[in-house]
Structure formats: C-alpha cells, structure tokens
C-alpha cells in the first residue's frame, strides 16, 4: 500500500500544539531559555531570574549600573529574542 498524504512530523506536532493551545506557552518558555544566548555570557552572569508574563519578559538585574545599558538596547533585544524563538512572543522587556 502506498500512502500519498504524508506529513512531516514537525508539521503534525506544531498543528497539535496550536490546537491544544500549547504553542504560545512553549514559545514563552523558549524566550526565557533564549535570554542567556541573546544577551551574551557576560550580561547573563549579571542578571538573575528571568520570567515571562503576558508578552513581557522580566529580567532581574544584579548590577544596577547594567540597567541603563540594557534599557538603551531593549528594542534590539526584543527583536533578537523573537528571532531566536521564531515567533513574535516578546513585546517588551522589564528590567527590575
């Protein structure tokens, strides 16, 4: 028997995640995990907890002097995070 309607496993999994409402939470988790790669190792060492809530990535700053530098590059960091995740999930970043 020959099957003609084959699908890639990736497509089947993505469709399932969308149907079950799991795609967005997965992408949000990916954004949190992507922070050290996008920010770089030096900045990642100087930041603490990273969490995600309602389109906003919250990053704890361990060195107050770093906050101003990160604030100036916030838009670029949002674009890099979304590119790393492969979806537009991060709308803003809050440094606290």
PDB file of N, CA and C in Angstrom:
ATOM      1  N   UNK A   1       0.813  -1.174   0.000  1.00  0.00           N
ATOM      2  CA  UNK A   1       0.000   0.000   0.000  1.00  0.00           C
ATOM      3  C   UNK A   1       0.869   1.254   0.000  1.00  0.00           C
ATOM      4  N   UNK A   2       0.558   2.155  -0.867  1.00  0.00           N
ATOM      5  CA  UNK A   2       1.302   3.391  -0.951  1.00  0.00           C
ATOM      6  C   UNK A   2       0.463   4.533  -0.388  1.00  0.00           C
ATOM      7  N   UNK A   3       1.072   5.302   0.507  1.00  0.00           N
ATOM      8  CA  UNK A   3       0.379   6.450   1.080  1.00  0.00           C
ATOM      9  C   UNK A   3       0.818   7.710   0.348  1.00  0.00           C
ATOM     10  N   UNK A   4      -0.145   8.513  -0.014  1.00  0.00           N
ATOM     11  CA  UNK A   4       0.178   9.730  -0.756  1.00  0.00           C
ATOM     12  C   UNK A   4       0.025  10.999   0.075  1.00  0.00           C
ATOM     13  N   UNK A   5      -0.595  10.897   1.225  1.00  0.00           N
ATOM     14  CA  UNK A   5      -0.823  12.089   2.037  1.00  0.00           C
ATOM     15  C   UNK A   5       0.099  12.121   3.256  1.00  0.00           C
ATOM     16  N   UNK A   6       1.391  12.053   3.011  1.00  0.00           N
ATOM     17  CA  UNK A   6       2.351  12.059   4.116  1.00  0.00           C
ATOM     18  C   UNK A   6       2.568  13.489   4.602  1.00  0.00           C
ATOM     19  N   UNK A   7       2.843  13.608   5.896  1.00  0.00           N
ATOM     20  CA  UNK A   7       3.128  14.895   6.506  1.00  0.00           C
ATOM     21  C   UNK A   7       4.420  14.784   7.303  1.00  0.00           C
ATOM     22  N   UNK A   8       5.115  15.884   7.393  1.00  0.00           N
ATOM     23  CA  UNK A   8       6.302  15.913   8.221  1.00  0.00           C
ATOM     24  C   UNK A   8       5.891  15.859   9.688  1.00  0.00           C
ATOM     25  N   UNK A   9       6.654  15.150  10.477  1.00  0.00           N
ATOM     26  CA  UNK A   9       6.360  15.034  11.900  1.00  0.00           C
ATOM     27  C   UNK A   9       6.344  16.408  12.564  1.00  0.00           C
ATOM     28  N   UNK A  10       7.252  17.287  12.153  1.00  0.00           N
ATOM     29  CA  UNK A  10       7.306  18.649  12.694  1.00  0.00           C
ATOM     30  C   UNK A  10       5.979  19.358  12.486  1.00  0.00           C
ATOM     31  N   UNK A  11       5.404  19.244  11.305  1.00  0.00           N
ATOM     32  CA  UNK A  11       4.130  19.905  11.000  1.00  0.00           C
ATOM     33  C   UNK A  11       2.985  19.334  11.837  1.00  0.00           C
ATOM     34  N   UNK A  12       2.998  18.029  12.036  1.00  0.00           N
ATOM     35  CA  UNK A  12       1.960  17.386  12.838  1.00  0.00           C
ATOM     36  C   UNK A  12       2.048  17.858  14.289  1.00  0.00           C
ATOM     37  N   UNK A  13       3.261  17.933  14.829  1.00  0.00           N
ATOM     38  CA  UNK A  13       3.449  18.375  16.209  1.00  0.00           C
ATOM     39  C   UNK A  13       3.037  19.834  16.367  1.00  0.00           C
ATOM     40  N   UNK A  14       3.448  20.693  15.435  1.00  0.00           N
ATOM     41  CA  UNK A  14       3.067  22.107  15.509  1.00  0.00           C
ATOM     42  C   UNK A  14       1.557  22.289  15.429  1.00  0.00           C
ATOM     43  N   UNK A  15       0.894  21.534  14.565  1.00  0.00           N
ATOM     44  CA  UNK A  15      -0.561  21.625  14.461  1.00  0.00           C
ATOM     45  C   UNK A  15      -1.223  21.192  15.765  1.00  0.00           C
ATOM     46  N   UNK A  16      -0.718  20.119  16.361  1.00  0.00           N
ATOM     47  CA  UNK A  16      -1.248  19.643  17.632  1.00  0.00           C
ATOM     48  C   UNK A  16      -1.083  20.704  18.728  1.00  0.00           C
ATOM     49  N   UNK A  17       0.116  21.305  18.811  1.00  0.00           N
ATOM     50  CA  UNK A  17       0.361  22.331  19.822  1.00  0.00           C
ATOM     51  C   UNK A  17      -0.590  23.511  19.656  1.00  0.00           C
ATOM     52  N   UNK A  18      -0.826  23.915  18.409  1.00  0.00           N
ATOM     53  CA  UNK A  18      -1.763  25.019  18.152  1.00  0.00           C
ATOM     54  C   UNK A  18      -3.175  24.654  18.573  1.00  0.00           C
ATOM     55  N   UNK A  19      -3.610  23.464  18.198  1.00  0.00           N
ATOM     56  CA  UNK A  19      -4.976  23.029  18.511  1.00  0.00           C
ATOM     57  C   UNK A  19      -5.208  22.928  20.016  1.00  0.00           C
ATOM     58  N   UNK A  20      -4.193  22.546  20.750  1.00  0.00           N
ATOM     59  CA  UNK A  20      -4.323  22.376  22.197  1.00  0.00           C
ATOM     60  C   UNK A  20      -3.991  23.647  22.975  1.00  0.00           C
ATOM     61  N   UNK A  21      -3.633  24.712  22.277  1.00  0.00           N
ATOM     62  CA  UNK A  21      -3.309  25.967  22.938  1.00  0.00           C
ATOM     63  C   UNK A  21      -1.971  25.952  23.665  1.00  0.00           C
ATOM     64  N   UNK A  22      -1.052  25.140  23.198  1.00  0.00           N
ATOM     65  CA  UNK A  22       0.240  24.996  23.865  1.00  0.00           C
ATOM     66  C   UNK A  22       1.381  25.697  23.132  1.00  0.00           C
ATOM     67  N   UNK A  23       1.116  26.212  21.951  1.00  0.00           N
ATOM     68  CA  UNK A  23       2.185  26.833  21.160  1.00  0.00           C
ATOM     69  C   UNK A  23       2.717  28.104  21.834  1.00  0.00           C
ATOM     70  N   UNK A  24       1.826  28.967  22.300  1.00  0.00           N
ATOM     71  CA  UNK A  24       2.260  30.215  22.930  1.00  0.00           C
ATOM     72  C   UNK A  24       3.027  29.964  24.226  1.00  0.00           C
ATOM     73  N   UNK A  25       2.524  29.128  25.141  1.00  0.00           N
ATOM     74  CA  UNK A  25       3.319  28.866  26.350  1.00  0.00           C
ATOM     75  C   UNK A  25       4.689  28.257  26.041  1.00  0.00           C
ATOM     76  N   UNK A  26       4.760  27.424  25.034  1.00  0.00           N
ATOM     77  CA  UNK A  26       6.045  26.842  24.644  1.00  0.00           C
ATOM     78  C   UNK A  26       6.990  27.924  24.143  1.00  0.00           C
ATOM     79  N   UNK A  27       6.489  28.834  23.306  1.00  0.00           N
ATOM     80  CA  UNK A  27       7.321  29.920  22.797  1.00  0.00           C
ATOM     81  C   UNK A  27       7.745  30.872  23.909  1.00  0.00           C
ATOM     82  N   UNK A  28       6.885  31.095  24.879  1.00  0.00           N
ATOM     83  CA  UNK A  28       7.244  31.935  26.024  1.00  0.00           C
ATOM     84  C   UNK A  28       8.382  31.291  26.814  1.00  0.00           C
ATOM     85  N   UNK A  29       8.299  30.001  27.005  1.00  0.00           N
ATOM     86  CA  UNK A  29       9.369  29.279  27.711  1.00  0.00           C
ATOM     87  C   UNK A  29      10.668  29.329  26.911  1.00  0.00           C
ATOM     88  N   UNK A  30      10.563  29.226  25.606  1.00  0.00           N
ATOM     89  CA  UNK A  30      11.752  29.335  24.750  1.00  0.00           C
ATOM     90  C   UNK A  30      12.395  30.707  24.878  1.00  0.00           C
ATOM     91  N   UNK A  31      11.587  31.757  25.005  1.00  0.00           N
ATOM     92  CA  UNK A  31      12.127  33.110  25.161  1.00  0.00           C
ATOM     93  C   UNK A  31      12.919  33.226  26.455  1.00  0.00           C
ATOM     94  N   UNK A  32      12.410  32.638  27.527  1.00  0.00           N
ATOM     95  CA  UNK A  32      13.130  32.658  28.810  1.00  0.00           C
ATOM     96  C   UNK A  32      14.452  31.915  28.671  1.00  0.00           C
ATOM     97  N   UNK A  33      14.432  30.765  28.019  1.00  0.00           N
ATOM     98  CA  UNK A  33      15.658  29.979  27.840  1.00  0.00           C
ATOM     99  C   UNK A  33      16.641  30.645  26.881  1.00  0.00           C
ATOM    100  N   UNK A  34      16.141  31.465  25.960  1.00  0.00           N
ATOM    101  CA  UNK A  34      16.989  32.124  24.971  1.00  0.00           C
ATOM    102  C   UNK A  34      17.712  33.342  25.536  1.00  0.00           C
ATOM    103  N   UNK A  35      17.260  33.871  26.675  1.00  0.00           N
ATOM    104  CA  UNK A  35      17.861  35.078  27.225  1.00  0.00           C
ATOM    105  C   UNK A  35      19.384  34.998  27.342  1.00  0.00           C
ATOM    106  N   UNK A  36      19.980  33.952  27.927  1.00  0.00           N
ATOM    107  CA  UNK A  36      21.448  33.915  28.037  1.00  0.00           C
ATOM    108  C   UNK A  36      22.156  33.926  26.684  1.00  0.00           C
ATOM    109  N   UNK A  37      21.581  33.264  25.685  1.00  0.00           N
ATOM    110  CA  UNK A  37      22.202  33.243  24.358  1.00  0.00           C
ATOM    111  C   UNK A  37      22.110  34.607  23.690  1.00  0.00           C
ATOM    112  N   UNK A  38      20.958  35.246  23.796  1.00  0.00           N
ATOM    113  CA  UNK A  38      20.752  36.539  23.144  1.00  0.00           C
ATOM    114  C   UNK A  38      21.527  37.641  23.860  1.00  0.00           C
ATOM    115  N   UNK A  39      21.497  37.646  25.179  1.00  0.00           N
ATOM    116  CA  UNK A  39      22.167  38.689  25.954  1.00  0.00           C
ATOM    117  C   UNK A  39      23.680  38.521  25.946  1.00  0.00           C
ATOM    118  N   UNK A  40      24.142  37.288  25.815  1.00  0.00           N
ATOM    119  CA  UNK A  40      25.575  37.024  25.854  1.00  0.00           C
ATOM    120  C   UNK A  40      25.994  36.561  27.242  1.00  0.00           C
ATOM    121  N   UNK A  41      27.128  35.892  27.326  1.00  0.00           N
ATOM    122  CA  UNK A  41      27.541  35.299  28.605  1.00  0.00           C
ATOM    123  C   UNK A  41      27.826  36.320  29.708  1.00  0.00           C
ATOM    124  N   UNK A  42      28.393  37.461  29.367  1.00  0.00           N
ATOM    125  CA  UNK A  42      28.716  38.459  30.388  1.00  0.00           C
ATOM    126  C   UNK A  42      27.453  39.031  31.009  1.00  0.00           C
ATOM    127  N   UNK A  43      26.518  39.451  30.173  1.00  0.00           N
ATOM    128  CA  UNK A  43      25.264  40.015  30.677  1.00  0.00           C
ATOM    129  C   UNK A  43      24.456  38.941  31.388  1.00  0.00           C
ATOM    130  N   UNK A  44      24.471  37.727  30.880  1.00  0.00           N
ATOM    131  CA  UNK A  44      23.721  36.636  31.511  1.00  0.00           C
ATOM    132  C   UNK A  44      24.214  36.391  32.938  1.00  0.00           C
ATOM    133  N   UNK A  45      25.517  36.547  33.165  1.00  0.00           N
ATOM    134  CA  UNK A  45      26.059  36.372  34.519  1.00  0.00           C
ATOM    135  C   UNK A  45      25.627  37.494  35.451  1.00  0.00           C
ATOM    136  N   UNK A  46      25.337  38.664  34.890  1.00  0.00           N
ATOM    137  CA  UNK A  46      24.980  39.825  35.701  1.00  0.00           C
ATOM    138  C   UNK A  46      23.473  40.009  35.856  1.00  0.00           C
ATOM    139  N   UNK A  47      22.719  39.047  35.339  1.00  0.00           N
ATOM    140  CA  UNK A  47      21.270  39.079  35.506  1.00  0.00           C
ATOM    141  C   UNK A  47      20.843  37.846  36.294  1.00  0.00           C
ATOM    142  N   UNK A  48      19.715  37.991  36.976  1.00  0.00           N
ATOM    143  CA  UNK A  48      19.219  36.898  37.810  1.00  0.00           C
ATOM    144  C   UNK A  48      18.027  36.223  37.176  1.00  0.00           C
ATOM    145  N   UNK A  49      16.946  36.174  37.925  1.00  0.00           N
ATOM    146  CA  UNK A  49      15.733  35.491  37.474  1.00  0.00           C
ATOM    147  C   UNK A  49      15.193  36.096  36.186  1.00  0.00           C
ATOM    148  N   UNK A  50      14.739  35.225  35.308  1.00  0.00           N
ATOM    149  CA  UNK A  50      14.089  35.644  34.069  1.00  0.00           C
ATOM    150  C   UNK A  50      12.739  34.937  34.025  1.00  0.00           C
ATOM    151  N   UNK A  51      11.679  35.715  33.811  1.00  0.00           N
ATOM    152  CA  UNK A  51      10.340  35.134  33.734  1.00  0.00           C
ATOM    153  C   UNK A  51       9.558  35.821  32.626  1.00  0.00           C
ATOM    154  N   UNK A  52       8.419  35.249  32.291  1.00  0.00           N
ATOM    155  CA  UNK A  52       7.609  35.771  31.192  1.00  0.00           C
ATOM    156  C   UNK A  52       6.156  35.829  31.631  1.00  0.00           C
ATOM    157  N   UNK A  53       5.518  36.981  31.355  1.00  0.00           N
ATOM    158  CA  UNK A  53       4.107  37.131  31.695  1.00  0.00           C
ATOM    159  C   UNK A  53       3.454  38.092  30.712  1.00  0.00           C
ATOM    160  N   UNK A  54       2.410  37.661  30.056  1.00  0.00           N
ATOM    161  CA  UNK A  54       1.577  38.480  29.184  1.00  0.00           C
ATOM    162  C   UNK A  54       2.375  39.313  28.184  1.00  0.00           C
ATOM    163  N   UNK A  55       3.260  38.669  27.453  1.00  0.00           N
ATOM    164  CA  UNK A  55       4.012  39.347  26.405  1.00  0.00           C
ATOM    165  C   UNK A  55       5.224  40.116  26.875  1.00  0.00           C
ATOM    166  N   UNK A  56       5.515  40.079  28.166  1.00  0.00           N
ATOM    167  CA  UNK A  56       6.637  40.833  28.717  1.00  0.00           C
ATOM    168  C   UNK A  56       7.635  39.894  29.371  1.00  0.00           C
ATOM    169  N   UNK A  57       8.890  40.072  29.021  1.00  0.00           N
ATOM    170  CA  UNK A  57       9.978  39.325  29.645  1.00  0.00           C
ATOM    171  C   UNK A  57      10.491  40.153  30.819  1.00  0.00           C
ATOM    172  N   UNK A  58      10.524  39.571  32.006  1.00  0.00           N
ATOM    173  CA  UNK A  58      11.003  40.241  33.211  1.00  0.00           C
ATOM    174  C   UNK A  58      12.383  39.694  33.548  1.00  0.00           C
ATOM    175  N   UNK A  59      13.369  40.593  33.647  1.00  0.00           N
ATOM    176  CA  UNK A  59      14.754  40.198  33.900  1.00  0.00           C
ATOM    177  C   UNK A  59      15.252  40.930  35.139  1.00  0.00           C
ATOM    178  N   UNK A  60      15.708  40.175  36.118  1.00  0.00           N
ATOM    179  CA  UNK A  60      16.253  40.767  37.345  1.00  0.00           C
ATOM    180  C   UNK A  60      17.705  41.173  37.098  1.00  0.00           C
ATOM    181  N   UNK A  61      18.022  42.413  37.435  1.00  0.00           N
ATOM    182  CA  UNK A  61      19.372  42.942  37.249  1.00  0.00           C
ATOM    183  C   UNK A  61      20.128  42.860  38.570  1.00  0.00           C
ATOM    184  N   UNK A  62      21.295  42.221  38.547  1.00  0.00           N
ATOM    185  CA  UNK A  62      22.097  42.068  39.757  1.00  0.00           C
ATOM    186  C   UNK A  62      23.052  43.241  39.954  1.00  0.00           C
ATOM    187  N   UNK A  63      23.371  43.958  38.896  1.00  0.00           N
ATOM    188  CA  UNK A  63      24.256  45.127  38.959  1.00  0.00           C
ATOM    189  C   UNK A  63      23.502  46.346  38.450  1.00  0.00           C
ATOM    190  N   UNK A  64      23.174  47.291  39.312  1.00  0.00           N
ATOM    191  CA  UNK A  64      22.374  48.453  38.901  1.00  0.00           C
ATOM    192  C   UNK A  64      22.956  49.233  37.722  1.00  0.00           C
ATOM    193  N   UNK A  65      24.267  49.277  37.601  1.00  0.00           N
ATOM    194  CA  UNK A  65      24.885  50.019  36.503  1.00  0.00           C
ATOM    195  C   UNK A  65      24.546  49.411  35.138  1.00  0.00           C
ATOM    196  N   UNK A  66      24.227  48.150  35.115  1.00  0.00           N
ATOM    197  CA  UNK A  66      23.899  47.463  33.863  1.00  0.00           C
ATOM    198  C   UNK A  66      22.506  47.847  33.349  1.00  0.00           C
ATOM    199  N   UNK A  67      21.623  48.248  34.221  1.00  0.00           N
ATOM    200  CA  UNK A  67      20.235  48.539  33.857  1.00  0.00           C
ATOM    201  C   UNK A  67      20.146  49.591  32.742  1.00  0.00           C
ATOM    202  N   UNK A  68      20.884  50.683  32.871  1.00  0.00           N
ATOM    203  CA  UNK A  68      20.812  51.755  31.875  1.00  0.00           C
ATOM    204  C   UNK A  68      21.275  51.270  30.502  1.00  0.00           C
ATOM    205  N   UNK A  69      22.350  50.503  30.455  1.00  0.00           N
ATOM    206  CA  UNK A  69      22.839  49.977  29.171  1.00  0.00           C
ATOM    207  C   UNK A  69      21.803  49.074  28.522  1.00  0.00           C
ATOM    208  N   UNK A  70      21.182  48.214  29.317  1.00  0.00           N
ATOM    209  CA  UNK A  70      20.173  47.307  28.774  1.00  0.00           C
ATOM    210  C   UNK A  70      18.920  48.056  28.341  1.00  0.00           C
ATOM    211  N   UNK A  71      18.555  49.109  29.059  1.00  0.00           N
ATOM    212  CA  UNK A  71      17.374  49.894  28.696  1.00  0.00           C
ATOM    213  C   UNK A  71      17.548  50.516  27.312  1.00  0.00           C
ATOM    214  N   UNK A  72      18.756  50.976  27.001  1.00  0.00           N
ATOM    215  CA  UNK A  72      19.001  51.609  25.703  1.00  0.00           C
ATOM    216  C   UNK A  72      18.928  50.588  24.563  1.00  0.00           C
ATOM    217  N   UNK A  73      19.268  49.336  24.821  1.00  0.00           N
ATOM    218  CA  UNK A  73      19.241  48.310  23.782  1.00  0.00           C
ATOM    219  C   UNK A  73      18.030  47.400  23.855  1.00  0.00           C
ATOM    220  N   UNK A  74      17.003  47.813  24.579  1.00  0.00           N
ATOM    221  CA  UNK A  74      15.835  46.965  24.814  1.00  0.00           C
ATOM    222  C   UNK A  74      15.136  46.552  23.517  1.00  0.00           C
ATOM    223  N   UNK A  75      14.925  47.482  22.596  1.00  0.00           N
ATOM    224  CA  UNK A  75      14.232  47.171  21.345  1.00  0.00           C
ATOM    225  C   UNK A  75      14.996  46.123  20.542  1.00  0.00           C
ATOM    226  N   UNK A  76      16.296  46.282  20.480  1.00  0.00           N
ATOM    227  CA  UNK A  76      17.119  45.314  19.750  1.00  0.00           C
ATOM    228  C   UNK A  76      17.068  43.939  20.423  1.00  0.00           C
ATOM    229  N   UNK A  77      17.056  43.905  21.738  1.00  0.00           N
ATOM    230  CA  UNK A  77      16.954  42.633  22.456  1.00  0.00           C
ATOM    231  C   UNK A  77      15.614  41.947  22.183  1.00  0.00           C
ATOM    232  N   UNK A  78      14.539  42.719  22.109  1.00  0.00           N
ATOM    233  CA  UNK A  78      13.227  42.148  21.793  1.00  0.00           C
ATOM    234  C   UNK A  78      13.259  41.499  20.417  1.00  0.00           C
ATOM    235  N   UNK A  79      13.835  42.199  19.437  1.00  0.00           N
ATOM    236  CA  UNK A  79      13.917  41.637  18.076  1.00  0.00           C
ATOM    237  C   UNK A  79      14.764  40.364  18.048  1.00  0.00           C
ATOM    238  N   UNK A  80      15.878  40.376  18.754  1.00  0.00           N
ATOM    239  CA  UNK A  80      16.750  39.196  18.781  1.00  0.00           C
ATOM    240  C   UNK A  80      16.068  38.007  19.466  1.00  0.00           C
ATOM    241  N   UNK A  81      15.365  38.267  20.567  1.00  0.00           N
ATOM    242  CA  UNK A  81      14.657  37.185  21.260  1.00  0.00           C
ATOM    243  C   UNK A  81      13.584  36.580  20.368  1.00  0.00           C
ATOM    244  N   UNK A  82      12.803  37.410  19.705  1.00  0.00           N
ATOM    245  CA  UNK A  82      11.758  36.903  18.820  1.00  0.00           C
ATOM    246  C   UNK A  82      12.354  36.114  17.660  1.00  0.00           C
ATOM    247  N   UNK A  83      13.482  36.575  17.140  1.00  0.00           N
ATOM    248  CA  UNK A  83      14.144  35.835  16.060  1.00  0.00           C
ATOM    249  C   UNK A  83      14.650  34.483  16.557  1.00  0.00           C
ATOM    250  N   UNK A  84      15.184  34.465  17.767  1.00  0.00           N
ATOM    251  CA  UNK A  84      15.685  33.208  18.350  1.00  0.00           C
ATOM    252  C   UNK A  84      14.554  32.212  18.583  1.00  0.00           C
ATOM    253  N   UNK A  85      13.413  32.715  19.044  1.00  0.00           N
ATOM    254  CA  UNK A  85      12.259  31.855  19.321  1.00  0.00           C
ATOM    255  C   UNK A  85      11.573  31.438  18.021  1.00  0.00           C
ATOM    256  N   UNK A  86      11.593  32.322  17.038  1.00  0.00           N
ATOM    257  CA  UNK A  86      10.924  32.029  15.773  1.00  0.00           C
ATOM    258  C   UNK A  86       9.470  32.446  15.765  1.00  0.00           C
ATOM    259  N   UNK A  87       9.095  33.331  16.687  1.00  0.00           N
ATOM    260  CA  UNK A  87       7.716  33.820  16.771  1.00  0.00           C
ATOM    261  C   UNK A  87       7.731  35.168  17.481  1.00  0.00           C
ATOM    262  N   UNK A  88       6.691  35.943  17.269  1.00  0.00           N
ATOM    263  CA  UNK A  88       6.575  37.261  17.897  1.00  0.00           C
ATOM    264  C   UNK A  88       5.885  37.116  19.263  1.00  0.00           C
ATOM    265  N   UNK A  89       6.614  36.676  20.250  1.00  0.00           N
ATOM    266  CA  UNK A  89       6.035  36.486  21.580  1.00  0.00           C
ATOM    267  C   UNK A  89       6.424  37.569  22.564  1.00  0.00           C
ATOM    268  N   UNK A  90       7.607  38.139  22.418  1.00  0.00           N
ATOM    269  CA  UNK A  90       8.090  39.161  23.343  1.00  0.00           C
ATOM    270  C   UNK A  90       7.716  40.535  22.800  1.00  0.00           C
ATOM    271  N   UNK A  91       6.866  41.251  23.522  1.00  0.00           N
ATOM    272  CA  UNK A  91       6.522  42.617  23.128  1.00  0.00           C
ATOM    273  C   UNK A  91       7.399  43.637  23.848  1.00  0.00           C
ATOM    274  N   UNK A  92       7.799  43.340  25.080  1.00  0.00           N
ATOM    275  CA  UNK A  92       8.648  44.269  25.827  1.00  0.00           C
ATOM    276  C   UNK A  92       9.468  43.507  26.861  1.00  0.00           C
ATOM    277  N   UNK A  93      10.460  44.214  27.387  1.00  0.00           N
ATOM    278  CA  UNK A  93      11.312  43.661  28.437  1.00  0.00           C
ATOM    279  C   UNK A  93      11.315  44.646  29.598  1.00  0.00           C
ATOM    280  N   UNK A  94      11.150  44.128  30.803  1.00  0.00           N
ATOM    281  CA  UNK A  94      11.209  44.938  32.016  1.00  0.00           C
ATOM    282  C   UNK A  94      12.422  44.476  32.808  1.00  0.00           C
ATOM    283  N   UNK A  95      13.291  45.432  33.121  1.00  0.00           N
ATOM    284  CA  UNK A  95      14.457  45.146  33.953  1.00  0.00           C
ATOM    285  C   UNK A  95      14.166  45.636  35.363  1.00  0.00           C
ATOM    286  N   UNK A  96      14.294  44.774  36.343  1.00  0.00           N
ATOM    287  CA  UNK A  96      13.994  45.171  37.726  1.00  0.00           C
ATOM    288  C   UNK A  96      15.109  44.759  38.649  1.00  0.00           C
TER     289      UNK A  96
END
